[in-house]
C-alpha atoms as a PDB file:
ATOM      1  CA  MET A   1     -14.156   2.227 -19.180  1.00  0.00           C
ATOM      2  CA  LEU A   2     -11.154   1.246 -17.139  1.00  0.00           C
ATOM      3  CA  TYR A   3     -12.214   0.608 -13.618  1.00  0.00           C
ATOM      4  CA  ILE A   4      -9.672   0.906 -10.781  1.00  0.00           C
ATOM      5  CA  VAL A   5     -11.044  -1.569  -8.196  1.00  0.00           C
ATOM      6  CA  ALA A   6     -10.065  -1.731  -4.531  1.00  0.00           C
ATOM      7  CA  THR A   7     -10.081  -5.121  -2.977  1.00  0.00           C
ATOM      8  CA  PRO A   8      -9.780  -6.336   0.648  1.00  0.00           C
ATOM      9  CA  ILE A   9      -6.367  -6.100   2.411  1.00  0.00           C
ATOM     10  CA  GLY A  10      -7.071  -9.248   4.443  1.00  0.00           C
ATOM     11  CA  ASN A  11     -10.601  -9.880   5.405  1.00  0.00           C
ATOM     12  CA  LEU A  12     -12.780 -10.802   2.389  1.00  0.00           C
ATOM     13  CA  GLU A  13     -15.856  -9.373   3.925  1.00  0.00           C
ATOM     14  CA  ASP A  14     -14.404  -5.934   3.339  1.00  0.00           C
ATOM     15  CA  MET A  15     -15.173  -6.235  -0.404  1.00  0.00           C
ATOM     16  CA  THR A  16     -17.877  -3.626  -1.252  1.00  0.00           C
ATOM     17  CA  PHE A  17     -21.064  -4.697  -3.211  1.00  0.00           C
ATOM     18  CA  ARG A  18     -20.043  -2.304  -5.982  1.00  0.00           C
ATOM     19  CA  ALA A  19     -16.664  -3.887  -6.366  1.00  0.00           C
ATOM     20  CA  VAL A  20     -18.200  -7.297  -6.616  1.00  0.00           C
ATOM     21  CA  ARG A  21     -20.730  -6.192  -9.155  1.00  0.00           C
ATOM     22  CA  THR A  22     -18.084  -4.325 -11.279  1.00  0.00           C
ATOM     23  CA  LEU A  23     -15.774  -7.295 -11.403  1.00  0.00           C
ATOM     24  CA  LYS A  24     -18.696  -9.475 -12.583  1.00  0.00           C
ATOM     25  CA  GLU A  25     -19.863  -7.132 -15.252  1.00  0.00           C
ATOM     26  CA  VAL A  26     -16.542  -6.035 -16.885  1.00  0.00           C
ATOM     27  CA  ASP A  27     -15.104  -8.021 -19.796  1.00  0.00           C
ATOM     28  CA  TYR A  28     -11.693  -8.611 -18.424  1.00  0.00           C
ATOM     29  CA  ILE A  29      -9.902  -8.227 -15.166  1.00  0.00           C
ATOM     30  CA  PHE A  30      -6.030  -7.426 -14.940  1.00  0.00           C
ATOM     31  CA  ALA A  31      -4.528  -8.344 -11.635  1.00  0.00           C
ATOM     32  CA  GLU A  32      -1.086  -8.092 -10.084  1.00  0.00           C
ATOM     33  CA  ASP A  33      -0.960 -11.690  -8.940  1.00  0.00           C
ATOM     34  CA  THR A  34      -3.657 -13.861 -10.567  1.00  0.00           C
ATOM     35  CA  ARG A  35      -3.183 -16.576  -7.871  1.00  0.00           C
ATOM     36  CA  VAL A  36      -4.270 -14.210  -5.154  1.00  0.00           C
ATOM     37  CA  THR A  37      -7.030 -12.676  -7.292  1.00  0.00           C
ATOM     38  CA  LYS A  38      -8.403 -16.097  -8.298  1.00  0.00           C
ATOM     39  CA  ARG A  39      -9.144 -16.845  -4.533  1.00  0.00           C
ATOM     40  CA  LEU A  40     -11.169 -13.602  -4.178  1.00  0.00           C
ATOM     41  CA  LEU A  41     -13.003 -14.248  -7.400  1.00  0.00           C
ATOM     42  CA  SER A  42     -13.802 -17.854  -6.409  1.00  0.00           C
ATOM     43  CA  HIS A  43     -15.027 -16.611  -3.120  1.00  0.00           C
ATOM     44  CA  TYR A  44     -17.494 -14.240  -4.943  1.00  0.00           C
ATOM     45  CA  GLU A  45     -18.305 -16.525  -7.709  1.00  0.00           C
ATOM     46  CA  ILE A  46     -16.835 -14.248 -10.358  1.00  0.00           C
ATOM     47  CA  ASP A  47     -15.855 -15.881 -13.544  1.00  0.00           C
ATOM     48  CA  THR A  48     -14.648 -12.912 -15.543  1.00  0.00           C
ATOM     49  CA  VAL A  49     -11.611 -13.624 -17.711  1.00  0.00           C
ATOM     50  CA  LEU A  50      -8.352 -12.798 -15.707  1.00  0.00           C
ATOM     51  CA  TYR A  51      -5.024 -11.564 -17.000  1.00  0.00           C
ATOM     52  CA  ARG A  52      -1.686 -10.830 -15.271  1.00  0.00           C
ATOM     53  CA  TYR A  53      -0.593  -7.192 -14.949  1.00  0.00           C
ATOM     54  CA  ASP A  54       2.535  -6.565 -12.769  1.00  0.00           C
ATOM     55  CA  GLU A  55       5.988  -4.918 -12.863  1.00  0.00           C
ATOM     56  CA  PHE A  56       7.220  -7.624 -15.268  1.00  0.00           C
ATOM     57  CA  THR A  57       4.419  -7.669 -17.740  1.00  0.00           C
ATOM     58  CA  LYS A  58       3.124  -4.097 -17.616  1.00  0.00           C
ATOM     59  CA  MET A  59       4.997  -2.832 -20.781  1.00  0.00           C
ATOM     60  CA  THR A  60       3.089  -5.393 -23.040  1.00  0.00           C
ATOM     61  CA  GLN A  61      -0.059  -5.438 -20.980  1.00  0.00           C
ATOM     62  CA  ILE A  62      -0.601  -1.594 -21.060  1.00  0.00           C
ATOM     63  CA  ASN A  63      -0.950  -1.708 -24.808  1.00  0.00           C
ATOM     64  CA  SER A  64      -3.300  -4.737 -24.546  1.00  0.00           C
ATOM     65  CA  ILE A  65      -5.561  -2.879 -22.014  1.00  0.00           C
ATOM     66  CA  ILE A  66      -5.555   0.254 -24.145  1.00  0.00           C
ATOM     67  CA  ASN A  67      -6.485  -1.750 -27.247  1.00  0.00           C
ATOM     68  CA  LEU A  68      -9.381  -3.405 -25.407  1.00  0.00           C
ATOM     69  CA  LEU A  69     -10.667  -0.201 -24.035  1.00  0.00           C
ATOM     70  CA  SER A  70     -10.453   1.329 -27.542  1.00  0.00           C
ATOM     71  CA  GLU A  71     -12.647  -1.547 -28.917  1.00  0.00           C
ATOM     72  CA  GLY A  72     -15.324  -0.614 -26.311  1.00  0.00           C
ATOM     73  CA  LYS A  73     -14.486  -3.230 -23.801  1.00  0.00           C
ATOM     74  CA  ASN A  74     -14.705  -2.674 -20.052  1.00  0.00           C
ATOM     75  CA  VAL A  75     -11.685  -3.456 -18.029  1.00  0.00           C
ATOM     76  CA  ALA A  76     -10.959  -3.665 -14.143  1.00  0.00           C
ATOM     77  CA  LEU A  77      -7.533  -3.309 -12.649  1.00  0.00           C
ATOM     78  CA  VAL A  78      -6.837  -4.870  -9.256  1.00  0.00           C
ATOM     79  CA  THR A  79      -3.885  -5.369  -7.020  1.00  0.00           C
ATOM     80  CA  ASP A  80      -2.984  -8.040  -4.625  1.00  0.00           C
ATOM     81  CA  ALA A  81      -4.747  -6.214  -1.814  1.00  0.00           C
ATOM     82  CA  GLY A  82      -6.130  -2.701  -1.240  1.00  0.00           C
ATOM     83  CA  THR A  83      -6.467   0.204  -3.769  1.00  0.00           C
ATOM     84  CA  PRO A  84      -4.480  -0.155  -6.996  1.00  0.00           C
ATOM     85  CA  CYS A  85      -1.980   2.469  -8.218  1.00  0.00           C
ATOM     86  CA  ILE A  86      -0.759   3.389  -4.768  1.00  0.00           C
ATOM     87  CA  SER A  87       2.258   1.183  -4.253  1.00  0.00           C
ATOM     88  CA  ASP A  88       2.154  -1.028  -7.376  1.00  0.00           C
ATOM     89  CA  PRO A  89       2.696  -0.481 -11.175  1.00  0.00           C
ATOM     90  CA  GLY A  90      -0.922   0.594 -11.867  1.00  0.00           C
ATOM     91  CA  TYR A  91      -0.494   4.191 -12.522  1.00  0.00           C
ATOM     92  CA  GLU A  92       1.233   3.854 -15.861  1.00  0.00           C
ATOM     93  CA  VAL A  93      -1.848   2.377 -17.477  1.00  0.00           C
ATOM     94  CA  VAL A  94      -4.122   5.012 -15.927  1.00  0.00           C
ATOM     95  CA  GLU A  95      -1.797   7.713 -17.330  1.00  0.00           C
ATOM     96  CA  LYS A  96      -1.756   6.052 -20.855  1.00  0.00           C
ATOM     97  CA  ALA A  97      -5.545   5.725 -20.779  1.00  0.00           C
ATOM     98  CA  LEU A  98      -6.048   9.340 -19.934  1.00  0.00           C
ATOM     99  CA  LYS A  99      -3.542  10.399 -22.645  1.00  0.00           C
ATOM    100  CA  GLU A 100      -5.682   8.332 -25.146  1.00  0.00           C
ATOM    101  CA  GLY A 101      -8.843  10.163 -24.126  1.00  0.00           C
ATOM    102  CA  LEU A 102     -10.284   7.034 -22.481  1.00  0.00           C
ATOM    103  CA  GLU A 103     -12.393   6.975 -19.343  1.00  0.00           C
ATOM    104  CA  VAL A 104     -11.082   5.781 -15.961  1.00  0.00           C
ATOM    105  CA  SER A 105     -13.315   5.298 -12.947  1.00  0.00           C
ATOM    106  CA  PRO A 106     -12.479   4.545  -9.250  1.00  0.00           C
ATOM    107  CA  ILE A 107     -14.308   1.806  -7.300  1.00  0.00           C
ATOM    108  CA  PRO A 108     -13.229   2.812  -3.876  1.00  0.00           C
ATOM    109  CA  GLY A 109     -12.664   0.594  -0.870  1.00  0.00           C
ATOM    110  CA  CYS A 110      -9.801  -0.670   1.367  1.00  0.00           C
ATOM    111  CA  SER A 111      -6.401   0.983   1.757  1.00  0.00           C
ATOM    112  CA  SER A 112      -3.771  -0.226   4.122  1.00  0.00           C
ATOM    113  CA  LEU A 113      -2.416   3.338   4.271  1.00  0.00           C
ATOM    114  CA  VAL A 114      -5.688   4.806   5.435  1.00  0.00           C
ATOM    115  CA  THR A 115      -6.713   1.863   7.483  1.00  0.00           C
ATOM    116  CA  ALA A 116      -3.398   1.923   9.526  1.00  0.00           C
ATOM    117  CA  ALA A 117      -3.538   5.666   9.811  1.00  0.00           C
ATOM    118  CA  SER A 118      -7.011   5.480  11.362  1.00  0.00           C
ATOM    119  CA  VAL A 119      -5.968   3.417  14.352  1.00  0.00           C
ATOM    120  CA  SER A 120      -2.347   4.661  14.805  1.00  0.00           C
ATOM    121  CA  GLY A 121      -3.326   7.220  17.523  1.00  0.00           C
ATOM    122  CA  ILE A 122      -1.042   9.664  15.572  1.00  0.00           C
ATOM    123  CA  SER A 123      -2.360  12.925  14.017  1.00  0.00           C
ATOM    124  CA  MET A 124      -2.647  12.330  10.202  1.00  0.00           C
ATOM    125  CA  ARG A 125      -3.984  15.725   9.281  1.00  0.00           C
ATOM    126  CA  ARG A 126      -0.699  16.320   7.403  1.00  0.00           C
ATOM    127  CA  MET A 127       1.206  13.185   6.311  1.00  0.00           C
ATOM    128  CA  ALA A 128       4.077  12.265   3.937  1.00  0.00           C
ATOM    129  CA  TYR A 129       3.560   8.740   2.280  1.00  0.00           C
ATOM    130  CA  GLU A 130       6.926   7.120   1.405  1.00  0.00           C
ATOM    131  CA  GLY A 131       5.804   3.466   0.450  1.00  0.00           C
ATOM    132  CA  PHE A 132       8.672   0.994   0.820  1.00  0.00           C
ATOM    133  CA  LEU A 133      12.075   2.607   1.513  1.00  0.00           C
ATOM    134  CA  PRO A 134      15.021   1.771  -0.753  1.00  0.00           C
ATOM    135  CA  LYS A 135      16.692  -1.361   0.518  1.00  0.00           C
ATOM    136  CA  LYS A 136      20.262  -0.064  -0.097  1.00  0.00           C
ATOM    137  CA  LYS A 137      20.956   2.528  -2.792  1.00  0.00           C
ATOM    138  CA  GLY A 138      19.448   5.926  -1.828  1.00  0.00           C
ATOM    139  CA  ARG A 139      18.404   4.735   1.630  1.00  0.00           C
ATOM    140  CA  GLN A 140      20.573   6.911   3.692  1.00  0.00           C
ATOM    141  CA  THR A 141      19.826   9.993   1.499  1.00  0.00           C
ATOM    142  CA  LEU A 142      16.148   9.602   1.818  1.00  0.00           C
ATOM    143  CA  LEU A 143      16.270   9.113   5.520  1.00  0.00           C
ATOM    144  CA  LYS A 144      18.340  12.387   5.856  1.00  0.00           C
ATOM    145  CA  LYS A 145      15.635  14.124   3.893  1.00  0.00           C
ATOM    146  CA  LEU A 146      12.982  12.636   6.142  1.00  0.00           C
ATOM    147  CA  ALA A 147      14.693  13.929   9.160  1.00  0.00           C
ATOM    148  CA  GLU A 148      13.582  17.445   8.000  1.00  0.00           C
ATOM    149  CA  GLU A 149       9.983  16.317   7.340  1.00  0.00           C
ATOM    150  CA  GLU A 150       7.478  18.192   9.509  1.00  0.00           C
ATOM    151  CA  ARG A 151       4.517  15.891   8.623  1.00  0.00           C
ATOM    152  CA  SER A 152       3.750  12.515  10.079  1.00  0.00           C
ATOM    153  CA  ILE A 153       5.372   9.711   7.830  1.00  0.00           C
ATOM    154  CA  VAL A 154       3.819   6.528   6.518  1.00  0.00           C
ATOM    155  CA  ILE A 155       6.130   3.674   5.491  1.00  0.00           C
ATOM    156  CA  PHE A 156       5.310   0.134   4.030  1.00  0.00           C
ATOM    157  CA  GLU A 157       7.686  -2.516   5.335  1.00  0.00           C
ATOM    158  CA  SER A 158       8.357  -6.184   4.945  1.00  0.00           C
ATOM    159  CA  PRO A 159       8.323  -8.078   8.210  1.00  0.00           C
ATOM    160  CA  HIS A 160      11.982  -9.189   8.126  1.00  0.00           C
ATOM    161  CA  ARG A 161      13.005  -5.556   7.725  1.00  0.00           C
ATOM    162  CA  VAL A 162      10.823  -3.924  10.502  1.00  0.00           C
ATOM    163  CA  ILE A 163      13.674  -3.800  13.143  1.00  0.00           C
ATOM    164  CA  LYS A 164      16.275  -2.440  10.788  1.00  0.00           C
ATOM    165  CA  THR A 165      13.760   0.232   9.650  1.00  0.00           C
ATOM    166  CA  LEU A 166      12.949   1.217  13.169  1.00  0.00           C
ATOM    167  CA  LYS A 167      16.646   1.446  14.013  1.00  0.00           C
ATOM    168  CA  ASP A 168      17.259   3.602  10.807  1.00  0.00           C
ATOM    169  CA  ILE A 169      14.315   5.869  11.849  1.00  0.00           C
ATOM    170  CA  GLU A 170      15.986   6.378  15.312  1.00  0.00           C
ATOM    171  CA  GLU A 171      19.350   6.908  13.885  1.00  0.00           C
ATOM    172  CA  TYR A 172      18.426   9.514  11.237  1.00  0.00           C
ATOM    173  CA  LEU A 173      15.203  11.027  12.589  1.00  0.00           C
ATOM    174  CA  GLY A 174      15.795  10.618  16.345  1.00  0.00           C
ATOM    175  CA  VAL A 175      13.554   9.088  18.913  1.00  0.00           C
ATOM    176  CA  ARG A 176      10.151   9.268  17.527  1.00  0.00           C
ATOM    177  CA  GLU A 177       6.700   7.954  18.511  1.00  0.00           C
ATOM    178  CA  VAL A 178       5.549   5.214  16.107  1.00  0.00           C
ATOM    179  CA  ALA A 179       2.892   2.746  15.320  1.00  0.00           C
ATOM    180  CA  VAL A 180       3.772  -0.667  13.757  1.00  0.00           C
ATOM    181  CA  CYS A 181       0.438  -1.879  12.171  1.00  0.00           C
ATOM    182  CA  ARG A 182       0.593  -5.571  11.029  1.00  0.00           C
ATOM    183  CA  GLU A 183      -1.858  -8.113   9.658  1.00  0.00           C
ATOM    184  CA  ILE A 184      -4.500  -5.265   9.410  1.00  0.00           C
ATOM    185  CA  THR A 185      -8.064  -6.748   9.242  1.00  0.00           C
ATOM    186  CA  LYS A 186      -6.825 -10.348   9.582  1.00  0.00           C
ATOM    187  CA  ILE A 187      -7.019 -12.756  12.483  1.00  0.00           C
ATOM    188  CA  TYR A 188      -3.815 -11.725  14.047  1.00  0.00           C
ATOM    189  CA  GLU A 189      -4.105  -8.001  13.584  1.00  0.00           C
ATOM    190  CA  GLU A 190      -1.793  -6.136  15.807  1.00  0.00           C
ATOM    191  CA  ILE A 191      -1.059  -2.378  16.349  1.00  0.00           C
ATOM    192  CA  ILE A 192       1.943  -1.800  18.424  1.00  0.00           C
ATOM    193  CA  ARG A 193       2.470   1.926  19.669  1.00  0.00           C
ATOM    194  CA  GLY A 194       5.382   3.539  21.469  1.00  0.00           C
ATOM    195  CA  THR A 195       8.759   5.236  20.911  1.00  0.00           C
ATOM    196  CA  THR A 196      11.235   3.760  18.414  1.00  0.00           C
ATOM    197  CA  THR A 197      13.374   2.679  21.261  1.00  0.00           C
ATOM    198  CA  GLU A 198      10.515   0.975  23.059  1.00  0.00           C
ATOM    199  CA  LEU A 199       9.372  -0.818  19.922  1.00  0.00           C
ATOM    200  CA  ILE A 200      12.853  -1.987  18.965  1.00  0.00           C
ATOM    201  CA  GLU A 201      13.249  -3.535  22.465  1.00  0.00           C
ATOM    202  CA  LYS A 202       9.809  -5.084  22.244  1.00  0.00           C
ATOM    203  CA  LEU A 203      10.055  -6.619  18.803  1.00  0.00           C
ATOM    204  CA  GLU A 204      13.858  -7.289  18.326  1.00  0.00           C
ATOM    205  CA  ASN A 205      13.499 -10.912  19.669  1.00  0.00           C
ATOM    206  CA  ARG A 206      10.163 -11.638  18.073  1.00  0.00           C
ATOM    207  CA  THR A 207       9.372 -13.217  14.774  1.00  0.00           C
ATOM    208  CA  ILE A 208       7.291 -10.672  12.907  1.00  0.00           C
ATOM    209  CA  LYS A 209       4.876 -11.921  10.161  1.00  0.00           C
ATOM    210  CA  GLY A 210       2.590 -10.267   7.641  1.00  0.00           C
ATOM    211  CA  GLU A 211       2.633  -7.008   5.775  1.00  0.00           C
ATOM    212  CA  VAL A 212       3.558  -4.007   7.950  1.00  0.00           C
ATOM    213  CA  VAL A 213       2.659  -0.329   7.830  1.00  0.00           C
ATOM    214  CA  ILE A 214       4.906   2.005  10.002  1.00  0.00           C
ATOM    215  CA  ILE A 215       3.504   5.410  10.967  1.00  0.00           C
ATOM    216  CA  VAL A 216       5.944   7.924  12.301  1.00  0.00           C
ATOM    217  CA  LYS A 217       4.727  10.885  14.365  1.00  0.00           C
ATOM    218  CA  GLU A 218       5.608  14.344  13.003  1.00  0.00           C
ATOM    219  CA  ARG A 219       8.699  15.737  14.509  1.00  0.00           C
ATOM    220  CA  ASP A 220       8.586  16.804  18.182  1.00  0.00           C
ATOM    221  CA  ASP A 221      11.721  18.641  19.214  1.00  0.00           C
ATOM    222  CA  SER A 222      11.291  17.735  22.923  1.00  0.00           C
ATOM    223  CA  ILE A 223      12.154  14.059  22.054  1.00  0.00           C
ATOM    224  CA  TYR A 224      14.373  14.712  18.930  1.00  0.00           C
ATOM    225  CA  VAL A 225      17.736  13.523  20.266  1.00  0.00           C
ATOM    226  CA  ASN A 226      19.720  14.065  17.130  1.00  0.00           C
ATOM    227  CA  ASP A 227      18.946  17.819  16.980  1.00  0.00           C
ATOM    228  CA  GLU A 228      22.472  19.544  17.285  1.00  0.00           C
ATOM    229  CA  ASP A 229      20.886  22.676  18.922  1.00  0.00           C
END
């Protein structure tokens, strides 16, 4: 069995009992960053054999994982934080396993996407998940497409690009209500809500730290300043 195991996005107490048991019982764990995962395993006294699986090693490790599963071994896949296969290279090995007729089972838990959405104060009944926006190539094209998006939008962002992204949202999508969620579940957790204009002014001269989730409210024509009509 290949287990897709969710891990905490910050607070180690968010680890589920089932996730701990699974990581103890499997034969091997493959992790996006073994240094990060080692701290988690040490905290829960888990001594399962650990290997690296990331964007740079996935092509060789996919075959290694498939071979182990074919031999009857149980393997767990984890990411740095949260649920694997959402914004990391995990889906390729799941796809390969399914094509080979091997079993895949989810061990659910934390997800920064859902966690941020739950406290955003923005309706998430219909949402578009974009992950990290392109840094350069394709960025403007995507933003122009998102200007026509009718659902709320979820974006992951690095702290040093938050202001640029807020400005781009305002330029291409118009003034929108947004929630900037950072350091979720950690000591310095902060959820900042307001329009893009308000948040740019509030955050422009601040040093922003930690991983960030930006949630953009669905289009509201009453405040959409770039509408030519």
